[in-house]
Amino acid sequence: MQFLPTLLLCMCSCLAFAQKEANIWYFGQNAGLDFNTNCQPTALDNSGIETQEASAVISNAKTGELLFYSDGFWVWNHEHQLMPNSGDGDPRPGVNREKNALSQGALIVPSPTDSAAYYLFTLTEVGVSDASGIPTGRLTYSLIDMRLDEGKGDVVLNKKNKLLSDGLVGRLTAIRHTNGSDYWIITHQSDNNVFLVFSLTKDGVGRADTVRIGSVISETYGFLKASPNGRKLACSSRGVSARPFDLFDFDPATGSISNHTNLGNLRVAYGVSFSPDNTKLYVSTMNTAAVEANEYYYDYIRQYDLSLGNASAITASGKSIIYGNSLTNIKLDEKRYSDFYAPSLQIGPDGRIYCASNGNSGLCTGCGYRFFVINRPNELGFACQVEVQTAQLGVGLVANASDLPNFMQHYFNGLEPRECSFDKNDECTDANVRIFPNPAKDVMEILITDICFTPYTLRIVNAAGQILASYEVNTPRSQQLHLGSLPGGIYFAELRFADRTTVKRFVKQ
């Protein structure tokens, strides 16, 4: 009978891979990714959403087909039309809205008893705390019935914007109960150390339990993430001054939170993610550490080894996976500083962790299309293989998304990363790189199609093998080459990617 635990483990792992609720993402300024079609995510250009923080999406668990998505105010169906009863009477997003969705401002949870119904929880800014002067949020829920509006789904009017609590900060997550059908909805009050834990059962949303534990949270923006197995919680705060990064134990059978550990005071800590195997914890932060006198480095993304068990050992294990990493293509220079501020971290259905790179600064060319991707998040230290990848999104910018979609994390429990991503797709061949016009007289363009683009070194070589020019290319879409100074003849454009080199022959007239 010794084979039984192994058999059960294999069954659980297969079930984890079968879940497709998180296969489609919509976030930021009309940005979208589809994890259904290829080994790599494919860009989508059909999103109706325009948001910076709040975003939630749900897909069919078996097929991965989109059901609906929300920015915390409006709800779009699978045809990207607003559901007839969605919205709250305010103007459309971005048009003189007096209140905002907070970080983790939307979350979709299936009904425990009705396979055609979903609870949409929203966390929106409604006022200012008298104690701290910071914005606070209100938690409400609406019921979405997918049988309404001819099967496209709609908000149930008598179950719309039901108030649960106010005076909250931007922290919202949910954990599946050990019974497999119920859920725990978790948020946090402003300017104290109180978690609110609501039960969601066949009877609906229950009254909240208050749990006083951990650090006082006085920053509106931050993240509360659960481990994929539902046994841990981590909470960050995006304060300019250093604030505690907290870790807790969670009991999915009782909803209790215990064993608080401060993993260190971090500055501008925001995105949080556990690894799919629950052994590593990641946080995005602009924390600085001294190397020598008057010399500092940024952590960017910090990893903790939870397998050590002991709280002090876990805390001591925290280190940057970017600084000092010779295996990554992320370059630490002045421009790089500006393209990495308060991004979120989210596991993808491919077992990798994606990080939205907020690049609004004019110092960073092309940052608006960048993801930071942790290719092997279950591995320790630099072996996690973190790198920057650039998505040729159909519409929108990654940079306009502090938050990626807010998912329940049990969808990703036990995932192993796939062997391809944006730049490691078998379909990304030399045919995806085009040079035109060819022959060219004065100006020639290099275009890398689809989502295959990653930073590369471009070298122009003459027929004798002499390198005439060499420079780094960090921007997607087309690159213009001015050929006016070159004599007529045959030349070669070498595009040196991290894992391959593509050579294109061209003629200068």
Protein backbone atom coordinates (compact mmCIF):
# COMPACT_ATOMS: atom_id res chain seq x y z
CA MET A 1 0.00 0.00 0.00
CA GLN A 2 3.01 2.35 -0.05
CA PHE A 3 2.12 3.41 -3.60
CA LEU A 4 -1.13 5.08 -2.47
CA PRO A 5 0.29 8.48 -1.32
CA THR A 6 2.28 8.72 -4.54
CA LEU A 7 -0.80 7.90 -6.61
CA LEU A 8 -2.86 10.53 -4.81
CA LEU A 9 -0.09 13.07 -5.32
CA CYS A 10 -0.03 12.36 -9.04
CA MET A 11 -3.80 12.71 -9.24
CA CYS A 12 -3.66 16.09 -7.49
CA SER A 13 -0.91 17.26 -9.81
CA CYS A 14 -2.96 16.31 -12.88
CA LEU A 15 -5.95 18.17 -11.53
CA ALA A 16 -3.79 21.24 -11.00
CA PHE A 17 -2.71 21.21 -14.64
CA ALA A 18 -6.31 20.73 -15.82
CA GLN A 19 -7.54 24.01 -14.36
CA LYS A 20 -7.89 26.73 -17.00
CA GLU A 21 -9.71 29.49 -15.08
CA ALA A 22 -6.68 31.79 -15.43
CA ASN A 23 -5.79 31.07 -19.08
CA ILE A 24 -6.80 34.53 -20.34
CA TRP A 25 -5.52 37.81 -18.86
CA TYR A 26 -6.80 41.36 -19.37
CA PHE A 27 -5.08 44.22 -17.58
CA GLY A 28 -3.63 47.71 -17.95
CA GLN A 29 -4.38 49.84 -20.97
CA ASN A 30 -6.31 47.32 -23.12
CA ALA A 31 -3.52 44.75 -22.78
CA GLY A 32 -4.24 41.04 -22.93
CA LEU A 33 -2.58 37.63 -23.05
CA ASP A 34 -3.97 34.23 -24.03
CA PHE A 35 -2.28 31.15 -22.58
CA ASN A 36 -4.54 28.71 -24.46
CA THR A 37 -3.12 28.60 -27.95
CA ASN A 38 0.63 28.06 -27.71
CA CYS A 39 3.33 27.11 -25.29
CA GLN A 40 3.93 30.84 -25.04
CA PRO A 41 1.28 33.45 -24.19
CA THR A 42 -0.25 35.13 -27.25
CA ALA A 43 -1.08 38.83 -27.32
CA LEU A 44 -4.76 39.86 -27.43
CA ASP A 45 -6.05 43.11 -28.89
CA ASN A 46 -9.76 42.91 -28.01
CA SER A 47 -9.86 44.10 -24.39
CA GLY A 48 -12.33 46.73 -23.23
CA ILE A 49 -10.48 47.34 -19.98
CA GLU A 50 -8.45 50.46 -19.17
CA THR A 51 -7.10 50.28 -15.66
CA GLN A 52 -3.91 50.65 -13.69
CA GLU A 53 -4.59 48.66 -10.56
CA ALA A 54 -7.78 46.58 -10.50
CA SER A 55 -8.30 43.71 -12.91
CA ALA A 56 -9.98 40.32 -12.58
CA VAL A 57 -10.68 37.69 -15.26
CA ILE A 58 -12.32 34.26 -15.23
CA SER A 59 -12.26 31.62 -17.96
CA ASN A 60 -14.02 28.28 -18.36
CA ALA A 61 -12.26 25.76 -16.12
CA LYS A 62 -12.32 23.03 -18.77
CA THR A 63 -11.87 24.88 -22.05
CA GLY A 64 -10.02 28.06 -21.03
CA GLU A 65 -12.52 30.16 -23.00
CA LEU A 66 -13.17 33.64 -21.62
CA LEU A 67 -16.29 34.11 -19.47
CA PHE A 68 -16.00 37.73 -18.27
CA TYR A 69 -13.64 40.30 -16.77
CA SER A 70 -13.82 43.47 -14.66
CA ASP A 71 -11.90 46.57 -13.59
CA GLY A 72 -13.73 46.78 -10.26
CA PHE A 73 -16.46 49.03 -11.68
CA TRP A 74 -17.54 47.61 -15.03
CA VAL A 75 -17.98 44.03 -16.19
CA TRP A 76 -17.37 42.87 -19.78
CA ASN A 77 -18.75 39.61 -21.18
CA HIS A 78 -16.87 37.21 -23.46
CA GLU A 79 -17.85 39.32 -26.47
CA HIS A 80 -16.19 42.35 -24.81
CA GLN A 81 -19.51 44.09 -24.34
CA LEU A 82 -20.48 45.71 -21.06
CA MET A 83 -22.93 43.56 -19.16
CA PRO A 84 -26.28 45.44 -19.15
CA ASN A 85 -26.44 45.78 -15.35
CA SER A 86 -22.75 46.42 -14.70
CA GLY A 87 -21.30 49.75 -13.61
CA ASP A 88 -22.17 51.91 -10.66
CA GLY A 89 -23.49 55.09 -12.23
CA ASP A 90 -20.06 56.74 -12.42
CA PRO A 91 -18.52 57.89 -15.72
CA ARG A 92 -16.58 55.41 -17.78
CA PRO A 93 -13.06 54.65 -16.47
CA GLY A 94 -10.65 57.53 -16.95
CA VAL A 95 -13.39 60.14 -17.43
CA ASN A 96 -13.53 62.35 -14.34
CA ARG A 97 -13.99 59.44 -11.99
CA GLU A 98 -13.74 60.74 -8.44
CA LYS A 99 -12.84 57.37 -6.96
CA ASN A 100 -10.43 54.67 -7.98
CA ALA A 101 -10.14 50.94 -7.68
CA LEU A 102 -7.38 50.07 -5.23
CA SER A 103 -4.62 47.53 -5.68
CA GLN A 104 -6.23 44.09 -5.92
CA GLY A 105 -9.44 46.02 -6.49
CA ALA A 106 -11.30 43.13 -8.15
CA LEU A 107 -11.49 39.38 -7.56
CA ILE A 108 -13.74 36.70 -9.05
CA VAL A 109 -14.75 33.65 -6.98
CA PRO A 110 -17.03 30.83 -8.19
CA SER A 111 -20.27 30.20 -6.36
CA PRO A 112 -19.90 27.20 -4.01
CA THR A 113 -23.25 25.76 -5.15
CA ASP A 114 -24.05 27.10 -8.64
CA SER A 115 -21.65 26.33 -11.50
CA ALA A 116 -23.16 29.14 -13.59
CA ALA A 117 -22.72 31.86 -10.96
CA TYR A 118 -19.71 33.87 -9.78
CA TYR A 119 -19.10 36.40 -7.03
CA LEU A 120 -17.30 39.56 -8.11
CA PHE A 121 -15.64 41.26 -5.13
CA THR A 122 -14.54 44.87 -5.62
CA LEU A 123 -12.38 47.13 -3.49
CA THR A 124 -12.76 50.82 -4.36
CA GLU A 125 -11.57 54.08 -2.87
CA VAL A 126 -14.31 55.95 -1.05
CA GLY A 127 -12.72 58.36 1.38
CA VAL A 128 -9.85 59.31 3.64
CA SER A 129 -9.02 57.84 7.03
CA ASP A 130 -9.34 60.42 9.80
CA ALA A 131 -6.43 58.86 11.64
CA SER A 132 -3.85 58.74 8.87
CA GLY A 133 -5.17 60.96 6.07
CA ILE A 134 -4.71 58.19 3.51
CA PRO A 135 -7.39 56.97 1.08
CA THR A 136 -9.43 54.02 2.28
CA GLY A 137 -11.47 51.45 0.43
CA ARG A 138 -14.89 49.81 0.51
CA LEU A 139 -15.42 46.11 -0.15
CA THR A 140 -18.57 45.09 -1.99
CA TYR A 141 -19.70 42.08 -3.97
CA SER A 142 -22.00 41.41 -6.90
CA LEU A 143 -23.36 38.13 -8.21
CA ILE A 144 -22.82 37.32 -11.89
CA ASP A 145 -25.21 34.79 -13.45
CA MET A 146 -23.91 33.34 -16.71
CA ARG A 147 -27.43 32.24 -17.76
CA LEU A 148 -28.58 35.85 -18.13
CA ASP A 149 -28.43 37.96 -21.31
CA GLU A 150 -28.78 34.95 -23.60
CA GLY A 151 -25.93 33.09 -21.98
CA LYS A 152 -23.44 35.97 -22.06
CA GLY A 153 -23.91 36.70 -18.37
CA ASP A 154 -25.12 39.69 -16.38
CA VAL A 155 -25.11 41.14 -12.88
CA VAL A 156 -28.06 40.05 -10.73
CA LEU A 157 -29.74 43.33 -9.80
CA ASN A 158 -30.76 42.41 -6.27
CA LYS A 159 -27.23 41.09 -5.63
CA LYS A 160 -25.30 44.08 -6.91
CA ASN A 161 -22.73 46.15 -4.96
CA LYS A 162 -23.59 44.58 -1.61
CA LEU A 163 -21.53 46.29 1.09
CA LEU A 164 -19.28 44.08 3.21
CA SER A 165 -16.96 46.58 4.91
CA ASP A 166 -15.23 49.94 4.54
CA GLY A 167 -12.16 51.63 6.01
CA LEU A 168 -9.92 49.18 4.15
CA VAL A 169 -6.58 49.23 2.34
CA GLY A 170 -5.87 47.73 -1.07
CA ARG A 171 -5.41 44.07 -0.07
CA LEU A 172 -7.84 41.42 -1.35
CA THR A 173 -7.44 37.71 -1.90
CA ALA A 174 -9.38 34.47 -1.51
CA ILE A 175 -8.39 30.94 -0.49
CA ARG A 176 -10.30 27.76 -1.18
CA HIS A 177 -11.59 25.90 1.89
CA THR A 178 -10.25 22.40 2.49
CA ASN A 179 -13.76 21.05 1.76
CA GLY A 180 -13.16 21.96 -1.90
CA SER A 181 -16.31 24.04 -2.36
CA ASP A 182 -16.25 26.99 0.08
CA TYR A 183 -13.87 29.95 0.15
CA TRP A 184 -12.28 32.44 2.52
CA ILE A 185 -12.29 36.10 1.37
CA ILE A 186 -9.52 38.09 3.07
CA THR A 187 -8.87 41.83 3.24
CA HIS A 188 -7.30 44.27 5.72
CA GLN A 189 -8.42 47.37 7.62
CA SER A 190 -6.61 50.68 7.31
CA ASP A 191 -4.21 52.04 9.92
CA ASN A 192 -4.23 48.98 12.17
CA ASN A 193 -3.27 45.29 12.17
CA VAL A 194 -6.74 43.82 11.59
CA PHE A 195 -7.47 41.25 8.90
CA LEU A 196 -11.09 40.61 7.95
CA VAL A 197 -11.83 37.00 6.98
CA PHE A 198 -15.23 36.34 5.35
CA SER A 199 -16.55 32.87 4.61
CA LEU A 200 -18.27 32.17 1.29
CA THR A 201 -20.52 29.09 1.53
CA LYS A 202 -23.80 27.79 0.13
CA ASP A 203 -25.48 30.41 2.33
CA GLY A 204 -23.56 33.28 0.69
CA VAL A 205 -21.01 35.64 2.20
CA GLY A 206 -20.88 35.34 5.97
CA ARG A 207 -19.99 37.83 8.66
CA ALA A 208 -16.29 38.65 8.93
CA ASP A 209 -14.00 37.34 11.62
CA THR A 210 -11.50 39.97 12.79
CA VAL A 211 -7.95 38.74 13.25
CA ARG A 212 -5.47 41.05 14.94
CA ILE A 213 -2.00 40.00 13.88
CA GLY A 214 1.08 41.35 12.12
CA SER A 215 2.17 44.89 11.35
CA VAL A 216 0.02 48.00 11.30
CA ILE A 217 -0.78 48.81 7.66
CA SER A 218 -1.07 52.49 6.88
CA GLU A 219 -0.29 52.40 3.14
CA THR A 220 -3.27 52.19 0.81
CA TYR A 221 -1.42 50.27 -1.88
CA GLY A 222 0.16 46.86 -1.49
CA PHE A 223 -0.53 43.18 -2.03
CA LEU A 224 -1.89 40.25 -0.06
CA LYS A 225 -1.10 36.92 -1.71
CA ALA A 226 -1.75 33.34 -0.68
CA SER A 227 0.51 30.42 -1.45
CA PRO A 228 -0.97 28.06 -4.06
CA ASN A 229 -1.59 25.39 -1.40
CA GLY A 230 -3.43 27.95 0.76
CA ARG A 231 -1.13 27.49 3.76
CA LYS A 232 0.71 30.83 3.72
CA LEU A 233 -0.11 34.52 3.35
CA ALA A 234 2.31 37.34 2.48
CA CYS A 235 1.53 41.04 2.73
CA SER A 236 3.49 43.98 1.27
CA SER A 237 3.22 47.77 1.56
CA ARG A 238 4.24 50.20 -1.16
CA GLY A 239 5.58 52.89 1.15
CA VAL A 240 8.48 55.15 0.19
CA SER A 241 9.85 54.58 3.67
CA ALA A 242 10.71 51.01 4.63
CA ARG A 243 7.76 48.97 5.89
CA PRO A 244 7.51 45.36 7.14
CA PHE A 245 7.08 42.56 4.65
CA ASP A 246 4.90 40.12 6.57
CA LEU A 247 4.51 36.36 6.32
CA PHE A 248 1.79 34.32 8.05
CA ASP A 249 0.49 30.80 8.32
CA PHE A 250 -3.09 30.26 7.17
CA ASP A 251 -5.39 27.34 7.98
CA PRO A 252 -7.80 26.79 5.06
CA ALA A 253 -9.97 24.55 7.24
CA THR A 254 -10.69 27.19 9.89
CA GLY A 255 -9.74 30.52 8.26
CA SER A 256 -7.28 31.31 11.05
CA ILE A 257 -4.13 33.41 10.54
CA SER A 258 -1.14 32.73 12.79
CA ASN A 259 2.66 32.74 13.20
CA HIS A 260 3.50 36.25 12.01
CA THR A 261 7.05 36.78 10.73
CA ASN A 262 8.48 40.12 9.60
CA LEU A 263 10.78 39.20 6.71
CA GLY A 264 12.41 42.61 6.83
CA ASN A 265 11.54 46.26 6.36
CA LEU A 266 11.43 46.94 2.62
CA ARG A 267 11.00 50.15 0.65
CA VAL A 268 8.38 50.33 -2.12
CA ALA A 269 7.47 46.66 -1.74
CA TYR A 270 4.47 45.82 -3.90
CA GLY A 271 4.09 42.70 -6.05
CA VAL A 272 4.06 39.38 -4.21
CA SER A 273 4.04 35.79 -5.42
CA PHE A 274 4.81 32.37 -4.03
CA SER A 275 6.32 29.76 -6.32
CA PRO A 276 3.95 27.09 -7.68
CA ASP A 277 5.57 24.47 -5.43
CA ASN A 278 5.11 26.76 -2.36
CA THR A 279 8.82 26.71 -1.41
CA LYS A 280 9.85 30.20 -2.58
CA LEU A 281 8.43 33.66 -1.96
CA TYR A 282 9.04 36.66 -4.23
CA VAL A 283 8.45 40.37 -3.68
CA SER A 284 9.11 43.32 -5.98
CA THR A 285 10.83 46.14 -4.14
CA MET A 286 13.03 49.17 -4.60
CA ASN A 287 14.86 48.33 -1.40
CA THR A 288 18.52 49.30 -1.44
CA ALA A 289 21.47 47.54 0.13
CA ALA A 290 25.01 48.79 0.54
CA VAL A 291 27.80 47.12 -1.39
CA GLU A 292 30.56 49.46 -0.35
CA ALA A 293 30.70 52.93 1.10
CA ASN A 294 28.53 55.25 -1.00
CA GLU A 295 27.57 52.42 -3.38
CA TYR A 296 24.13 50.82 -3.32
CA TYR A 297 22.06 48.44 -5.39
CA TYR A 298 18.33 47.83 -5.82
CA ASP A 299 16.79 44.45 -5.07
CA TYR A 300 14.14 44.76 -7.83
CA ILE A 301 12.83 41.27 -7.10
CA ARG A 302 13.71 39.57 -3.83
CA GLN A 303 13.41 35.83 -3.15
CA TYR A 304 12.98 33.99 0.16
CA ASP A 305 13.51 30.27 0.71
CA LEU A 306 10.49 29.01 2.68
CA SER A 307 11.79 25.43 2.73
CA LEU A 308 14.20 26.43 5.52
CA GLY A 309 11.26 26.35 7.92
CA ASN A 310 12.82 28.45 10.67
CA ALA A 311 11.61 32.07 10.66
CA SER A 312 15.05 33.58 11.20
CA ALA A 313 16.59 31.39 8.48
CA ILE A 314 13.83 32.33 6.02
CA THR A 315 14.36 36.01 6.76
CA ALA A 316 18.12 35.68 6.31
CA SER A 317 17.64 33.91 2.97
CA GLY A 318 16.10 37.01 1.37
CA LYS A 319 18.23 38.24 -1.52
CA SER A 320 17.92 39.93 -4.89
CA ILE A 321 17.62 37.57 -7.85
CA ILE A 322 18.72 40.35 -10.21
CA TYR A 323 21.64 42.21 -8.67
CA GLY A 324 24.91 40.34 -9.24
CA ASN A 325 23.19 37.83 -11.51
CA SER A 326 25.44 37.16 -14.50
CA LEU A 327 22.89 34.72 -15.93
CA THR A 328 20.19 37.32 -16.60
CA ASN A 329 19.77 39.73 -19.50
CA ILE A 330 18.56 42.46 -17.12
CA LYS A 331 21.13 45.22 -17.14
CA LEU A 332 21.54 47.42 -14.09
CA ASP A 333 22.14 50.90 -15.42
CA GLU A 334 20.65 54.32 -14.95
CA LYS A 335 17.92 53.77 -17.52
CA ARG A 336 16.97 50.44 -16.00
CA TYR A 337 16.18 52.14 -12.69
CA SER A 338 13.30 54.01 -14.26
CA ASP A 339 11.48 51.05 -15.79
CA PHE A 340 10.92 49.01 -12.66
CA TYR A 341 8.60 50.60 -10.15
CA ALA A 342 5.97 48.81 -8.07
CA PRO A 343 5.12 46.03 -10.50
CA SER A 344 2.88 43.13 -9.61
CA LEU A 345 3.92 39.49 -9.72
CA GLN A 346 1.63 36.72 -10.91
CA ILE A 347 2.07 33.04 -11.71
CA GLY A 348 0.95 32.13 -15.21
CA PRO A 349 -0.76 28.92 -16.35
CA ASP A 350 2.63 27.98 -17.84
CA GLY A 351 4.18 27.78 -14.37
CA ARG A 352 6.25 30.96 -14.75
CA ILE A 353 5.96 34.19 -12.77
CA TYR A 354 5.21 37.33 -14.78
CA CYS A 355 5.96 40.83 -13.57
CA ALA A 356 4.50 43.96 -15.14
CA SER A 357 7.33 46.41 -15.72
CA ASN A 358 6.02 49.90 -15.05
CA GLY A 359 7.96 52.11 -17.45
CA ASN A 360 6.26 55.48 -17.58
CA SER A 361 9.53 57.40 -17.34
CA GLY A 362 10.83 58.96 -20.53
CA LEU A 363 14.31 57.73 -19.60
CA CYS A 364 13.41 54.17 -20.48
CA THR A 365 12.88 53.53 -24.20
CA GLY A 366 10.51 50.68 -24.92
CA CYS A 367 9.83 49.86 -21.27
CA GLY A 368 6.11 49.94 -21.88
CA TYR A 369 6.25 46.53 -23.56
CA ARG A 370 8.40 44.70 -21.03
CA PHE A 371 7.71 41.83 -18.73
CA PHE A 372 10.12 40.50 -16.19
CA VAL A 373 9.70 36.73 -16.29
CA ILE A 374 10.89 34.21 -13.69
CA ASN A 375 11.20 31.11 -15.84
CA ARG A 376 11.86 28.57 -13.06
CA PRO A 377 10.32 30.06 -9.92
CA ASN A 378 10.60 26.81 -7.94
CA GLU A 379 14.41 27.02 -8.07
CA LEU A 380 16.65 28.74 -5.54
CA GLY A 381 18.49 32.00 -6.21
CA PHE A 382 19.79 32.75 -9.69
CA ALA A 383 18.71 29.27 -10.83
CA CYS A 384 15.17 30.67 -11.02
CA GLN A 385 16.22 32.18 -14.39
CA VAL A 386 14.79 35.69 -14.26
CA GLU A 387 14.96 37.75 -17.45
CA VAL A 388 13.36 40.66 -19.25
CA GLN A 389 11.13 39.79 -22.20
CA THR A 390 9.32 42.18 -24.49
CA ALA A 391 5.81 41.46 -25.68
CA GLN A 392 4.61 42.69 -29.05
CA LEU A 393 1.18 43.44 -27.61
CA GLY A 394 -1.60 44.03 -30.12
CA VAL A 395 -2.95 46.95 -28.07
CA GLY A 396 -1.89 48.67 -24.89
CA LEU A 397 1.17 48.89 -22.70
CA VAL A 398 2.44 46.67 -19.92
CA ALA A 399 3.72 49.87 -18.34
CA ASN A 400 0.18 51.07 -17.70
CA ALA A 401 -0.48 48.13 -15.40
CA SER A 402 0.76 48.27 -11.85
CA ASP A 403 -1.38 45.16 -11.34
CA LEU A 404 -1.74 42.01 -13.38
CA PRO A 405 -5.07 40.14 -12.96
CA ASN A 406 -5.96 39.19 -9.40
CA PHE A 407 -6.47 35.41 -9.31
CA MET A 408 -7.00 32.88 -6.56
CA GLN A 409 -3.67 31.13 -6.35
CA HIS A 410 -4.81 27.51 -6.03
CA TYR A 411 -5.21 27.49 -9.82
CA PHE A 412 -1.40 27.31 -10.02
CA ASN A 413 -0.61 24.82 -7.26
CA GLY A 414 2.08 22.33 -8.27
CA LEU A 415 2.70 23.70 -11.77
CA GLU A 416 6.03 22.98 -13.42
CA PRO A 417 7.25 25.63 -15.88
CA ARG A 418 6.98 24.87 -19.56
CA GLU A 419 10.06 24.94 -21.73
CA CYS A 420 9.14 28.02 -23.76
CA SER A 421 7.98 31.59 -23.29
CA PHE A 422 7.93 34.78 -25.36
CA ASP A 423 11.30 34.16 -26.99
CA LYS A 424 11.49 30.36 -26.75
CA ASN A 425 8.66 29.31 -29.02
CA ASP A 426 9.24 26.77 -31.75
CA GLU A 427 7.11 28.96 -34.01
CA CYS A 428 9.57 31.85 -33.61
CA THR A 429 11.85 31.22 -36.58
CA ASP A 430 13.90 33.34 -38.93
CA ALA A 431 10.70 33.88 -40.88
CA ASN A 432 9.51 36.13 -38.06
CA VAL A 433 12.31 38.60 -38.82
CA ARG A 434 11.74 40.71 -41.94
CA ILE A 435 13.95 43.29 -43.65
CA PHE A 436 12.38 45.70 -46.11
CA PRO A 437 12.78 47.16 -48.60
CA ASN A 438 15.49 44.89 -49.92
CA PRO A 439 17.37 46.14 -51.92
CA ALA A 440 17.32 49.48 -50.10
CA LYS A 441 18.61 52.89 -51.09
CA ASP A 442 18.60 55.14 -48.02
CA VAL A 443 16.46 53.63 -45.25
CA MET A 444 15.80 50.00 -44.36
CA GLU A 445 13.59 48.59 -41.60
CA ILE A 446 13.92 45.46 -39.47
CA LEU A 447 10.63 44.11 -38.13
CA ILE A 448 10.26 41.24 -35.66
CA THR A 449 6.71 40.00 -35.92
CA ASP A 450 4.26 38.68 -33.37
CA ILE A 451 5.36 38.21 -29.78
CA CYS A 452 8.83 36.79 -30.54
CA PHE A 453 10.72 39.94 -29.67
CA THR A 454 13.32 40.06 -26.91
CA PRO A 455 16.29 42.45 -26.59
CA TYR A 456 19.11 41.64 -28.98
CA THR A 457 22.44 42.91 -30.28
CA LEU A 458 22.29 44.19 -33.85
CA ARG A 459 25.50 44.03 -35.91
CA ILE A 460 25.94 45.27 -39.46
CA VAL A 461 28.64 43.27 -41.28
CA ASN A 462 30.02 43.74 -44.78
CA ALA A 463 30.78 40.97 -47.28
CA ALA A 464 34.37 40.79 -46.02
CA GLY A 465 33.21 40.00 -42.48
CA GLN A 466 34.06 43.42 -41.02
CA ILE A 467 31.71 44.69 -38.28
CA LEU A 468 30.60 48.17 -39.31
CA ALA A 469 28.19 48.84 -36.42
CA SER A 470 27.04 47.09 -33.25
CA TYR A 471 24.47 48.22 -30.70
CA GLU A 472 21.80 46.95 -28.31
CA VAL A 473 18.13 46.98 -29.38
CA ASN A 474 15.64 47.09 -26.50
CA THR A 475 12.55 48.34 -28.31
CA PRO A 476 9.93 46.25 -30.11
CA ARG A 477 8.36 46.86 -33.46
CA SER A 478 10.51 48.13 -36.33
CA GLN A 479 14.08 49.39 -36.27
CA GLN A 480 15.13 51.89 -38.94
CA LEU A 481 18.61 51.71 -40.41
CA HIS A 482 19.91 54.74 -42.32
CA LEU A 483 22.17 53.45 -45.08
CA GLY A 484 23.09 56.69 -46.79
CA SER A 485 26.76 56.54 -45.75
CA LEU A 486 27.28 52.95 -46.94
CA PRO A 487 28.65 52.29 -50.41
CA GLY A 488 26.58 50.05 -52.64
CA GLY A 489 27.02 46.33 -52.11
CA ILE A 490 26.02 43.25 -50.11
CA TYR A 491 25.71 43.42 -46.30
CA PHE A 492 24.45 41.28 -43.46
CA ALA A 493 22.32 42.19 -40.42
CA GLU A 494 23.10 39.91 -37.48
CA LEU A 495 20.49 39.80 -34.72
CA ARG A 496 22.10 38.16 -31.69
CA PHE A 497 19.44 36.99 -29.23
CA ALA A 498 20.20 35.30 -25.92
CA ASP A 499 19.57 31.82 -27.34
CA ARG A 500 20.11 32.19 -31.09
CA THR A 501 21.51 34.37 -33.87
CA THR A 502 19.53 35.32 -36.97
CA VAL A 503 21.34 36.62 -40.05
CA LYS A 504 19.59 38.54 -42.82
CA ARG A 505 21.30 39.46 -46.11
CA PHE A 506 20.49 42.81 -47.72
CA VAL A 507 21.64 44.89 -50.65
CA LYS A 508 22.47 48.60 -50.53
CA GLN A 509 21.79 50.20 -53.91
